[in-house]
């Protein structure tokens, strides 16, 4: 490529519509379904444990005292630790996804895809996995608490306040799971966008 060609390279970049980014992202998830499933499962399990702890706290306790407060604090601490482990797992899985797609990314950039478009692709993929993983994770954790409470004969504790709190807790779980997944995907998106096309095409996985 001559100096003249290099100076005009940015003019050949293509501004693709958001719909195209959605199409490519959905296709990528289908092609790499197993990896996407592993990533979503990590989100699901982390949010399920978080949801379980939060739902348990919605059930009125008949006992009071420092021991009960200490037990709740311990559960909350474990829930936060589970989310941190989940966060690290998501980041690792997304970085591996970039490694597997070096040539694909390089090809898109050689064809004129903007860095912004590459970032959008990874954010859409992460957002989809984060949303559905969080929804299923909240439902799993919540159902475990409800079923356990019903089997123990404490159906009266599942009153209107419990269900109202559950709706708020559902929104909290989904927002946390989605935000956590998007933040974890930032290093992945940046790495993919900054990758020189020629180096990406020469990479061997």
Protein backbone atom coordinates (compact mmCIF):
# COMPACT_ATOMS: atom_id res chain seq x y z
CA UNK A 1 0.00 0.00 0.00
CA UNK A 2 1.46 3.37 -0.96
CA UNK A 3 1.58 6.47 1.20
CA UNK A 4 -1.25 7.91 -0.87
CA UNK A 5 -3.38 4.84 -0.29
CA UNK A 6 -2.69 4.96 3.45
CA UNK A 7 -3.72 8.58 3.72
CA UNK A 8 -7.06 7.80 2.10
CA UNK A 9 -7.74 4.59 4.08
CA UNK A 10 -10.11 6.16 6.62
CA UNK A 11 -12.30 7.44 3.79
CA UNK A 12 -13.07 3.86 2.81
CA UNK A 13 -14.41 2.93 6.22
CA UNK A 14 -18.07 1.92 6.25
CA UNK A 15 -20.70 3.13 8.70
CA UNK A 16 -22.94 0.07 9.01
CA UNK A 17 -26.43 0.35 10.56
CA UNK A 18 -27.21 -0.96 14.04
CA UNK A 19 -29.47 -3.61 12.51
CA UNK A 20 -26.44 -5.12 10.78
CA UNK A 21 -24.59 -5.25 14.10
CA UNK A 22 -27.55 -7.12 15.64
CA UNK A 23 -27.59 -9.55 12.72
CA UNK A 24 -23.88 -10.30 12.97
CA UNK A 25 -24.02 -10.61 16.77
CA UNK A 26 -26.93 -13.07 16.69
CA UNK A 27 -25.17 -15.12 14.03
CA UNK A 28 -21.99 -15.16 16.12
CA UNK A 29 -23.89 -16.39 19.18
CA UNK A 30 -25.46 -19.19 17.14
CA UNK A 31 -22.11 -20.24 15.62
CA UNK A 32 -20.38 -20.18 19.01
CA UNK A 33 -23.40 -21.44 20.91
CA UNK A 34 -21.43 -23.61 23.33
CA UNK A 35 -19.13 -20.75 24.40
CA UNK A 36 -22.09 -18.39 24.62
CA UNK A 37 -23.91 -20.97 26.75
CA UNK A 38 -20.92 -21.25 29.10
CA UNK A 39 -20.74 -17.48 29.48
CA UNK A 40 -24.49 -17.18 30.05
CA UNK A 41 -24.35 -20.07 32.56
CA UNK A 42 -21.75 -18.20 34.59
CA UNK A 43 -24.03 -15.17 34.72
CA UNK A 44 -27.03 -17.37 35.52
CA UNK A 45 -25.36 -19.11 38.46
CA UNK A 46 -23.95 -15.90 39.93
CA UNK A 47 -27.30 -14.10 39.74
CA UNK A 48 -29.17 -17.22 40.94
CA UNK A 49 -27.17 -17.24 44.17
CA UNK A 50 -27.58 -13.48 44.55
CA UNK A 51 -31.32 -13.82 43.92
CA UNK A 52 -31.60 -16.68 46.41
CA UNK A 53 -29.99 -14.63 49.17
CA UNK A 54 -32.11 -11.57 48.42
CA UNK A 55 -35.33 -13.60 48.27
CA UNK A 56 -34.56 -15.30 51.59
CA UNK A 57 -34.18 -11.87 53.17
CA UNK A 58 -37.71 -11.00 52.00
CA UNK A 59 -39.21 -13.70 54.23
CA UNK A 60 -40.02 -12.41 57.73
CA UNK A 61 -37.93 -13.98 60.47
CA UNK A 62 -39.51 -15.21 63.70
CA UNK A 63 -36.17 -14.98 65.44
CA UNK A 64 -34.24 -11.81 66.14
CA UNK A 65 -30.88 -11.01 67.58
CA UNK A 66 -27.26 -10.53 66.64
CA UNK A 67 -26.93 -14.14 65.45
CA UNK A 68 -29.63 -13.63 62.79
CA UNK A 69 -28.09 -10.35 61.63
CA UNK A 70 -24.66 -12.00 61.43
CA UNK A 71 -26.10 -14.85 59.36
CA UNK A 72 -27.73 -12.42 56.92
CA UNK A 73 -24.50 -10.46 56.63
CA UNK A 74 -22.59 -13.66 55.88
CA UNK A 75 -25.08 -14.58 53.15
CA UNK A 76 -24.83 -11.11 51.62
CA UNK A 77 -21.03 -11.34 51.65
CA UNK A 78 -21.14 -14.72 49.90
CA UNK A 79 -23.54 -13.31 47.28
CA UNK A 80 -21.15 -10.44 46.52
CA UNK A 81 -18.22 -12.87 46.26
CA UNK A 82 -20.24 -15.03 43.86
CA UNK A 83 -20.87 -11.99 41.66
CA UNK A 84 -17.15 -11.12 41.65
CA UNK A 85 -16.22 -14.67 40.62
CA UNK A 86 -18.91 -14.48 37.94
CA UNK A 87 -17.46 -11.16 36.73
CA UNK A 88 -13.96 -12.61 36.33
CA UNK A 89 -15.36 -15.65 34.52
CA UNK A 90 -17.31 -13.50 32.07
CA UNK A 91 -14.26 -11.35 31.32
CA UNK A 92 -12.10 -14.42 30.69
CA UNK A 93 -14.73 -16.00 28.44
CA UNK A 94 -15.14 -12.81 26.39
CA UNK A 95 -11.38 -12.42 25.96
CA UNK A 96 -11.20 -15.99 24.69
CA UNK A 97 -13.98 -15.13 22.27
CA UNK A 98 -11.82 -12.34 20.81
CA UNK A 99 -8.88 -14.74 20.44
CA UNK A 100 -11.04 -17.18 18.49
CA UNK A 101 -12.25 -14.40 16.18
CA UNK A 102 -8.97 -12.71 15.21
CA UNK A 103 -9.37 -13.43 11.51
CA UNK A 104 -13.06 -12.49 11.48
CA UNK A 105 -12.30 -9.16 13.14
CA UNK A 106 -9.39 -8.54 10.81
CA UNK A 107 -11.54 -9.26 7.77
CA UNK A 108 -14.27 -6.85 8.91
CA UNK A 109 -11.70 -4.11 9.53
CA UNK A 110 -10.05 -4.71 6.15
CA UNK A 111 -13.48 -4.33 4.53
CA UNK A 112 -13.86 -0.94 6.20
CA UNK A 113 -15.71 -1.64 9.45
CA UNK A 114 -15.27 1.17 11.98
CA UNK A 115 -13.79 0.51 15.42
CA UNK A 116 -17.12 1.70 16.85
CA UNK A 117 -18.90 -1.06 14.92
CA UNK A 118 -16.58 -3.73 16.36
CA UNK A 119 -17.21 -2.43 19.89
CA UNK A 120 -20.97 -2.44 19.24
CA UNK A 121 -20.83 -6.10 18.17
CA UNK A 122 -19.30 -7.22 21.45
CA UNK A 123 -21.59 -5.04 23.53
CA UNK A 124 -24.67 -6.49 21.83
CA UNK A 125 -23.46 -10.05 22.37
CA UNK A 126 -22.59 -9.36 26.01
CA UNK A 127 -25.89 -7.56 26.56
CA UNK A 128 -27.96 -10.44 25.20
CA UNK A 129 -26.12 -13.05 27.26
CA UNK A 130 -26.24 -10.81 30.33
CA UNK A 131 -29.95 -10.11 30.05
CA UNK A 132 -31.16 -13.67 29.46
CA UNK A 133 -28.66 -15.13 31.94
CA UNK A 134 -29.80 -12.64 34.60
CA UNK A 135 -33.50 -13.25 34.00
CA UNK A 136 -33.10 -17.03 34.24
CA UNK A 137 -30.73 -16.70 37.19
CA UNK A 138 -33.17 -14.55 39.15
CA UNK A 139 -36.02 -16.94 38.37
CA UNK A 140 -33.98 -19.95 39.47
CA UNK A 141 -32.92 -18.42 42.78
CA UNK A 142 -36.41 -17.08 43.50
CA UNK A 143 -38.12 -20.38 42.69
CA UNK A 144 -35.77 -22.31 44.98
CA UNK A 145 -36.72 -20.04 47.87
CA UNK A 146 -40.46 -20.24 47.10
CA UNK A 147 -40.49 -24.03 46.70
CA UNK A 148 -38.43 -24.54 49.85
CA UNK A 149 -40.77 -22.27 51.81
CA UNK A 150 -43.86 -24.08 50.51
CA UNK A 151 -42.43 -27.50 51.37
CA UNK A 152 -41.58 -26.34 54.87
CA UNK A 153 -45.22 -25.37 55.41
CA UNK A 154 -44.62 -21.64 55.56
CA UNK A 155 -46.91 -20.58 52.71
CA UNK A 156 -48.36 -17.79 54.86
CA UNK A 157 -45.00 -16.04 54.73
CA UNK A 158 -45.34 -15.66 50.95
CA UNK A 159 -47.66 -12.69 51.26
CA UNK A 160 -48.18 -9.55 49.20
CA UNK A 161 -45.11 -7.86 50.67
CA UNK A 162 -42.99 -10.81 49.60
CA UNK A 163 -44.19 -10.68 45.99
CA UNK A 164 -43.88 -6.90 45.84
CA UNK A 165 -40.33 -7.15 47.13
CA UNK A 166 -39.67 -9.94 44.65
CA UNK A 167 -40.52 -7.68 41.72
CA UNK A 168 -38.10 -5.04 42.97
CA UNK A 169 -35.48 -7.70 43.57
CA UNK A 170 -36.00 -9.06 40.04
CA UNK A 171 -35.26 -5.66 38.55
CA UNK A 172 -32.22 -5.30 40.82
CA UNK A 173 -30.85 -8.71 39.77
CA UNK A 174 -31.33 -8.06 36.06
CA UNK A 175 -29.74 -4.61 36.22
CA UNK A 176 -26.76 -5.91 38.21
CA UNK A 177 -26.27 -8.90 35.90
CA UNK A 178 -26.55 -6.82 32.74
CA UNK A 179 -24.26 -4.07 34.04
CA UNK A 180 -21.72 -6.60 35.25
CA UNK A 181 -21.64 -8.33 31.86
CA UNK A 182 -21.29 -5.08 29.90
CA UNK A 183 -18.50 -3.81 32.16
CA UNK A 184 -16.69 -7.16 31.87
CA UNK A 185 -16.88 -6.92 28.07
CA UNK A 186 -15.20 -3.49 27.90
CA UNK A 187 -11.60 -4.84 27.79
CA UNK A 188 -12.72 -7.33 25.14
CA UNK A 189 -14.36 -4.69 22.96
CA UNK A 190 -11.41 -2.31 23.26
CA UNK A 191 -8.91 -5.02 22.40
CA UNK A 192 -10.90 -6.08 19.36
CA UNK A 193 -11.38 -2.52 18.11
CA UNK A 194 -7.72 -1.57 18.48
CA UNK A 195 -6.43 -4.67 16.73
CA UNK A 196 -4.54 -3.86 13.47
CA UNK A 197 -6.25 -5.71 10.58
CA UNK A 198 -3.03 -7.14 9.15
CA UNK A 199 -1.94 -8.56 12.54
CA UNK A 200 -5.38 -10.06 13.13
CA UNK A 201 -5.36 -11.81 9.75
CA UNK A 202 -1.90 -13.27 10.39
CA UNK A 203 -2.84 -14.60 13.83
CA UNK A 204 -3.15 -18.34 14.32
CA UNK A 205 -5.40 -19.75 17.04
